[in-house]
N, C-alpha and C. Protein backbone atom coordinates (compact mmCIF):
# COMPACT_ATOMS: atom_id res chain seq x y z
N MET A 1 -30.40 114.51 -45.50
CA MET A 1 -29.66 113.28 -45.37
C MET A 1 -30.60 112.18 -44.89
N LYS A 2 -30.50 111.03 -45.49
CA LYS A 2 -31.36 109.89 -45.15
C LYS A 2 -30.92 109.29 -43.82
N LYS A 3 -31.88 109.04 -42.94
CA LYS A 3 -31.59 108.40 -41.65
C LYS A 3 -31.41 106.90 -41.85
N LEU A 4 -30.43 106.34 -41.19
CA LEU A 4 -30.15 104.92 -41.28
C LEU A 4 -30.63 104.21 -40.02
N THR A 5 -30.96 102.93 -40.16
CA THR A 5 -31.33 102.14 -38.98
C THR A 5 -30.08 101.82 -38.19
N THR A 6 -30.26 101.39 -36.96
CA THR A 6 -29.12 101.02 -36.11
C THR A 6 -28.31 99.90 -36.75
N GLU A 7 -28.99 98.94 -37.34
CA GLU A 7 -28.30 97.82 -37.99
C GLU A 7 -27.45 98.31 -39.16
N GLN A 8 -28.01 99.23 -39.95
CA GLN A 8 -27.27 99.77 -41.09
C GLN A 8 -26.05 100.56 -40.62
N LEU A 9 -26.24 101.35 -39.56
CA LEU A 9 -25.12 102.10 -39.00
C LEU A 9 -24.02 101.17 -38.52
N HIS A 10 -24.43 100.12 -37.83
CA HIS A 10 -23.46 99.16 -37.31
C HIS A 10 -22.68 98.50 -38.45
N GLU A 11 -23.40 98.08 -39.48
CA GLU A 11 -22.76 97.44 -40.63
C GLU A 11 -21.78 98.40 -41.31
N GLN A 12 -22.22 99.64 -41.49
CA GLN A 12 -21.37 100.64 -42.13
C GLN A 12 -20.10 100.89 -41.33
N THR A 13 -20.25 101.11 -40.04
CA THR A 13 -19.09 101.44 -39.23
C THR A 13 -18.14 100.25 -39.12
N GLN A 14 -18.68 99.04 -39.01
CA GLN A 14 -17.83 97.86 -38.94
C GLN A 14 -17.05 97.70 -40.25
N GLU A 15 -17.72 97.94 -41.36
CA GLU A 15 -17.05 97.83 -42.66
C GLU A 15 -15.94 98.88 -42.78
N LEU A 16 -16.24 100.11 -42.35
CA LEU A 16 -15.23 101.16 -42.44
C LEU A 16 -14.05 100.89 -41.51
N TYR A 17 -14.33 100.36 -40.32
CA TYR A 17 -13.24 99.99 -39.41
C TYR A 17 -12.37 98.92 -40.04
N SER A 18 -13.00 97.89 -40.62
CA SER A 18 -12.23 96.79 -41.21
C SER A 18 -11.37 97.27 -42.38
N LEU A 19 -11.84 98.28 -43.09
CA LEU A 19 -11.07 98.82 -44.21
C LEU A 19 -10.00 99.82 -43.76
N GLY A 20 -10.07 100.21 -42.48
CA GLY A 20 -9.10 101.17 -41.97
C GLY A 20 -9.44 102.61 -42.31
N VAL A 21 -10.66 102.84 -42.79
CA VAL A 21 -11.04 104.18 -43.20
C VAL A 21 -11.07 105.13 -42.00
N TYR A 22 -11.71 104.71 -40.91
CA TYR A 22 -11.79 105.59 -39.74
C TYR A 22 -10.40 105.92 -39.21
N LYS A 23 -9.54 104.93 -39.20
CA LYS A 23 -8.19 105.13 -38.68
C LYS A 23 -7.47 106.22 -39.46
N ASN A 24 -7.63 106.19 -40.78
CA ASN A 24 -6.95 107.17 -41.62
C ASN A 24 -7.75 108.45 -41.80
N PHE A 25 -9.04 108.36 -41.60
CA PHE A 25 -9.92 109.49 -41.89
C PHE A 25 -9.98 110.50 -40.75
N ASP A 26 -10.20 110.02 -39.54
CA ASP A 26 -10.41 110.93 -38.42
C ASP A 26 -9.96 110.27 -37.13
N PRO A 27 -9.07 110.90 -36.38
CA PRO A 27 -8.56 110.29 -35.14
C PRO A 27 -9.62 110.10 -34.06
N ILE A 28 -10.76 110.77 -34.18
CA ILE A 28 -11.82 110.60 -33.18
C ILE A 28 -12.25 109.14 -33.06
N TYR A 29 -12.28 108.42 -34.17
CA TYR A 29 -12.77 107.05 -34.15
C TYR A 29 -11.76 106.09 -33.53
N GLU A 30 -10.51 106.42 -33.60
CA GLU A 30 -9.47 105.59 -32.98
C GLU A 30 -9.63 105.61 -31.46
N LYS A 31 -10.05 106.74 -30.95
CA LYS A 31 -10.20 106.95 -29.51
C LYS A 31 -11.38 106.15 -28.91
N TYR A 32 -12.37 105.84 -29.72
CA TYR A 32 -13.59 105.22 -29.23
C TYR A 32 -13.80 103.80 -29.74
N LYS A 33 -12.75 103.03 -29.83
CA LYS A 33 -12.89 101.63 -30.24
C LYS A 33 -13.47 100.83 -29.09
N GLY A 34 -14.07 99.72 -29.42
CA GLY A 34 -14.59 98.83 -28.38
C GLY A 34 -16.08 98.96 -28.20
N THR A 35 -16.55 98.48 -27.05
CA THR A 35 -17.98 98.46 -26.77
C THR A 35 -18.30 99.28 -25.53
N ASP A 36 -19.57 99.65 -25.41
CA ASP A 36 -20.00 100.39 -24.23
C ASP A 36 -20.38 99.41 -23.12
N ASN A 37 -20.99 99.90 -22.08
CA ASN A 37 -21.36 99.05 -20.93
C ASN A 37 -22.46 98.05 -21.26
N TYR A 38 -23.13 98.24 -22.38
CA TYR A 38 -24.19 97.31 -22.79
C TYR A 38 -23.74 96.42 -23.95
N LYS A 39 -22.42 96.36 -24.17
CA LYS A 39 -21.79 95.51 -25.19
C LYS A 39 -22.17 95.91 -26.62
N LYS A 40 -22.60 97.15 -26.81
CA LYS A 40 -22.87 97.67 -28.14
C LYS A 40 -21.62 98.41 -28.61
N PRO A 41 -21.29 98.32 -29.89
CA PRO A 41 -20.09 99.03 -30.38
C PRO A 41 -20.23 100.54 -30.18
N LYS A 42 -19.18 101.16 -29.69
CA LYS A 42 -19.20 102.61 -29.51
C LYS A 42 -19.37 103.31 -30.85
N SER A 43 -18.97 102.65 -31.91
CA SER A 43 -19.07 103.23 -33.24
C SER A 43 -20.52 103.53 -33.62
N GLU A 44 -21.47 102.79 -33.07
CA GLU A 44 -22.89 103.06 -33.35
C GLU A 44 -23.28 104.45 -32.87
N TYR A 45 -22.85 104.79 -31.66
CA TYR A 45 -23.18 106.11 -31.11
C TYR A 45 -22.48 107.20 -31.92
N LEU A 46 -21.24 106.96 -32.31
CA LEU A 46 -20.50 107.94 -33.10
C LEU A 46 -21.17 108.17 -34.45
N ALA A 47 -21.64 107.11 -35.06
CA ALA A 47 -22.32 107.23 -36.35
C ALA A 47 -23.61 108.05 -36.21
N LYS A 48 -24.31 107.85 -35.11
CA LYS A 48 -25.53 108.64 -34.88
C LYS A 48 -25.20 110.12 -34.72
N LEU A 49 -24.10 110.40 -34.01
CA LEU A 49 -23.70 111.80 -33.82
C LEU A 49 -23.41 112.48 -35.16
N VAL A 50 -22.72 111.78 -36.02
CA VAL A 50 -22.34 112.34 -37.32
C VAL A 50 -23.57 112.65 -38.15
N GLN A 51 -24.64 111.89 -37.99
CA GLN A 51 -25.86 112.11 -38.77
C GLN A 51 -26.74 113.23 -38.23
N MET A 52 -26.49 113.69 -37.02
CA MET A 52 -27.34 114.72 -36.41
C MET A 52 -27.10 116.09 -37.04
N ASP A 53 -28.18 116.88 -37.14
CA ASP A 53 -28.01 118.27 -37.55
C ASP A 53 -27.66 119.08 -36.29
N ASN A 54 -27.43 120.37 -36.46
CA ASN A 54 -26.97 121.19 -35.33
C ASN A 54 -27.97 121.23 -34.18
N PHE A 55 -29.26 121.31 -34.50
CA PHE A 55 -30.28 121.35 -33.44
C PHE A 55 -30.30 120.05 -32.65
N GLU A 56 -30.26 118.93 -33.35
CA GLU A 56 -30.26 117.63 -32.67
C GLU A 56 -28.99 117.45 -31.84
N LEU A 57 -27.87 117.91 -32.37
CA LEU A 57 -26.60 117.80 -31.66
C LEU A 57 -26.61 118.66 -30.40
N LEU A 58 -27.18 119.84 -30.48
CA LEU A 58 -27.30 120.71 -29.31
C LEU A 58 -28.16 120.04 -28.24
N LYS A 59 -29.28 119.49 -28.65
CA LYS A 59 -30.19 118.81 -27.71
C LYS A 59 -29.49 117.61 -27.06
N GLU A 60 -28.78 116.82 -27.87
CA GLU A 60 -28.05 115.65 -27.36
C GLU A 60 -26.94 116.08 -26.40
N ALA A 61 -26.24 117.14 -26.75
CA ALA A 61 -25.15 117.63 -25.89
C ALA A 61 -25.69 118.07 -24.54
N LYS A 62 -26.77 118.85 -24.53
CA LYS A 62 -27.35 119.30 -23.26
C LYS A 62 -27.74 118.11 -22.39
N SER A 63 -28.37 117.14 -22.99
CA SER A 63 -28.83 115.96 -22.26
C SER A 63 -27.65 115.17 -21.68
N LYS A 64 -26.65 114.90 -22.51
CA LYS A 64 -25.52 114.07 -22.06
C LYS A 64 -24.63 114.80 -21.06
N ILE A 65 -24.50 116.12 -21.20
CA ILE A 65 -23.71 116.89 -20.22
C ILE A 65 -24.36 116.76 -18.85
N TRP A 66 -25.67 116.91 -18.81
CA TRP A 66 -26.38 116.79 -17.53
C TRP A 66 -26.23 115.38 -16.96
N LEU A 67 -26.44 114.37 -17.80
CA LEU A 67 -26.35 112.98 -17.34
C LEU A 67 -24.93 112.63 -16.89
N SER A 68 -23.93 113.16 -17.57
CA SER A 68 -22.55 112.92 -17.17
C SER A 68 -22.27 113.53 -15.81
N ALA A 69 -22.77 114.73 -15.58
CA ALA A 69 -22.59 115.37 -14.27
C ALA A 69 -23.32 114.59 -13.19
N TYR A 70 -24.50 114.10 -13.50
CA TYR A 70 -25.29 113.31 -12.54
C TYR A 70 -24.58 112.00 -12.20
N ALA A 71 -23.85 111.45 -13.17
CA ALA A 71 -23.14 110.18 -12.97
C ALA A 71 -21.69 110.40 -12.54
N ALA A 72 -21.40 111.52 -11.95
CA ALA A 72 -20.03 111.86 -11.56
C ALA A 72 -19.42 110.85 -10.59
N ASN A 73 -20.25 110.18 -9.82
CA ASN A 73 -19.74 109.19 -8.86
C ASN A 73 -19.43 107.85 -9.51
N ASN A 74 -19.70 107.71 -10.80
CA ASN A 74 -19.44 106.46 -11.52
C ASN A 74 -18.51 106.75 -12.70
N PRO A 75 -17.21 106.60 -12.51
CA PRO A 75 -16.27 106.96 -13.58
C PRO A 75 -16.37 106.08 -14.83
N ARG A 76 -17.04 104.93 -14.73
CA ARG A 76 -17.18 104.04 -15.89
C ARG A 76 -18.48 104.25 -16.65
N SER A 77 -19.25 105.25 -16.28
CA SER A 77 -20.53 105.51 -16.95
C SER A 77 -20.30 105.84 -18.42
N ASP A 78 -21.18 105.33 -19.27
CA ASP A 78 -21.10 105.63 -20.70
C ASP A 78 -21.30 107.11 -20.99
N TYR A 79 -22.00 107.80 -20.12
CA TYR A 79 -22.28 109.22 -20.36
C TYR A 79 -21.00 110.04 -20.46
N HIS A 80 -19.95 109.64 -19.79
CA HIS A 80 -18.70 110.39 -19.83
C HIS A 80 -18.05 110.34 -21.21
N TRP A 81 -17.98 109.14 -21.80
CA TRP A 81 -17.39 109.09 -23.14
C TRP A 81 -18.35 109.64 -24.19
N HIS A 82 -19.67 109.59 -23.91
CA HIS A 82 -20.63 110.22 -24.82
C HIS A 82 -20.33 111.72 -24.91
N VAL A 83 -20.12 112.35 -23.76
CA VAL A 83 -19.84 113.78 -23.74
C VAL A 83 -18.52 114.07 -24.45
N ASP A 84 -17.52 113.24 -24.24
CA ASP A 84 -16.24 113.41 -24.94
C ASP A 84 -16.44 113.33 -26.46
N ALA A 85 -17.23 112.36 -26.89
CA ALA A 85 -17.48 112.19 -28.33
C ALA A 85 -18.25 113.39 -28.90
N ILE A 86 -19.22 113.87 -28.15
CA ILE A 86 -19.98 115.05 -28.59
C ILE A 86 -19.05 116.25 -28.69
N TYR A 87 -18.19 116.41 -27.70
CA TYR A 87 -17.23 117.51 -27.72
C TYR A 87 -16.35 117.42 -28.98
N ASP A 88 -15.85 116.24 -29.26
CA ASP A 88 -15.01 116.05 -30.44
C ASP A 88 -15.77 116.37 -31.72
N GLU A 89 -17.04 116.00 -31.77
CA GLU A 89 -17.86 116.26 -32.95
C GLU A 89 -18.18 117.75 -33.08
N CYS A 90 -18.29 118.44 -31.96
CA CYS A 90 -18.69 119.85 -31.96
C CYS A 90 -17.52 120.83 -32.02
N LYS A 91 -16.32 120.35 -32.09
CA LYS A 91 -15.16 121.25 -32.10
C LYS A 91 -15.23 122.27 -33.23
N LYS A 92 -15.91 121.91 -34.29
CA LYS A 92 -15.98 122.77 -35.47
C LYS A 92 -16.88 124.00 -35.24
N SER A 93 -17.70 123.95 -34.22
CA SER A 93 -18.63 125.06 -33.99
C SER A 93 -18.73 125.36 -32.50
N SER A 94 -19.60 126.28 -32.15
CA SER A 94 -19.76 126.65 -30.74
C SER A 94 -20.94 125.92 -30.11
N ILE A 95 -21.40 124.85 -30.72
CA ILE A 95 -22.56 124.12 -30.21
C ILE A 95 -22.31 123.59 -28.80
N TYR A 96 -21.14 123.00 -28.56
CA TYR A 96 -20.86 122.41 -27.26
C TYR A 96 -20.86 123.48 -26.16
N THR A 97 -20.23 124.62 -26.43
CA THR A 97 -20.19 125.71 -25.45
C THR A 97 -21.59 126.20 -25.15
N LEU A 98 -22.41 126.34 -26.17
CA LEU A 98 -23.80 126.76 -26.00
C LEU A 98 -24.57 125.75 -25.15
N ALA A 99 -24.40 124.48 -25.44
CA ALA A 99 -25.09 123.43 -24.68
C ALA A 99 -24.63 123.43 -23.22
N PHE A 100 -23.34 123.58 -23.01
CA PHE A 100 -22.80 123.60 -21.64
C PHE A 100 -23.37 124.77 -20.86
N LYS A 101 -23.40 125.94 -21.47
CA LYS A 101 -23.92 127.13 -20.78
C LYS A 101 -25.40 126.98 -20.46
N ARG A 102 -26.17 126.44 -21.39
CA ARG A 102 -27.60 126.25 -21.14
C ARG A 102 -27.85 125.22 -20.04
N THR A 103 -27.03 124.17 -20.01
CA THR A 103 -27.16 123.16 -18.96
C THR A 103 -26.79 123.77 -17.61
N GLU A 104 -25.72 124.54 -17.60
CA GLU A 104 -25.26 125.18 -16.36
C GLU A 104 -26.33 126.13 -15.82
N GLN A 105 -26.99 126.88 -16.70
CA GLN A 105 -28.03 127.81 -16.29
C GLN A 105 -29.24 127.10 -15.72
N SER A 106 -29.50 125.86 -16.17
CA SER A 106 -30.68 125.15 -15.72
C SER A 106 -30.50 124.53 -14.34
N LEU A 107 -29.28 124.51 -13.83
CA LEU A 107 -29.03 123.90 -12.52
C LEU A 107 -29.35 124.84 -11.39
């Protein structure tokens, strides 16, 4: 699969949102409307997740799980919704469980 630039991802996701494709296609995107703490559309991060292969997704999950735990004292941290989005993306496989166990073992 060809990797897209951030600008291309943003354009694609904005176009799909405007057409209502995400709304009808997958409820995950309805849950993550809006922008993150840096005023970037959350859809950019979701689009990156969708493009990742299993190895990249596992690596991203381990990293974000750890960062979310580290940011436990800040309920508005972007890492919390990142982990939620990764979980939603990984529901189809055991990647999230594997990442969680590996992160837990490293503590």
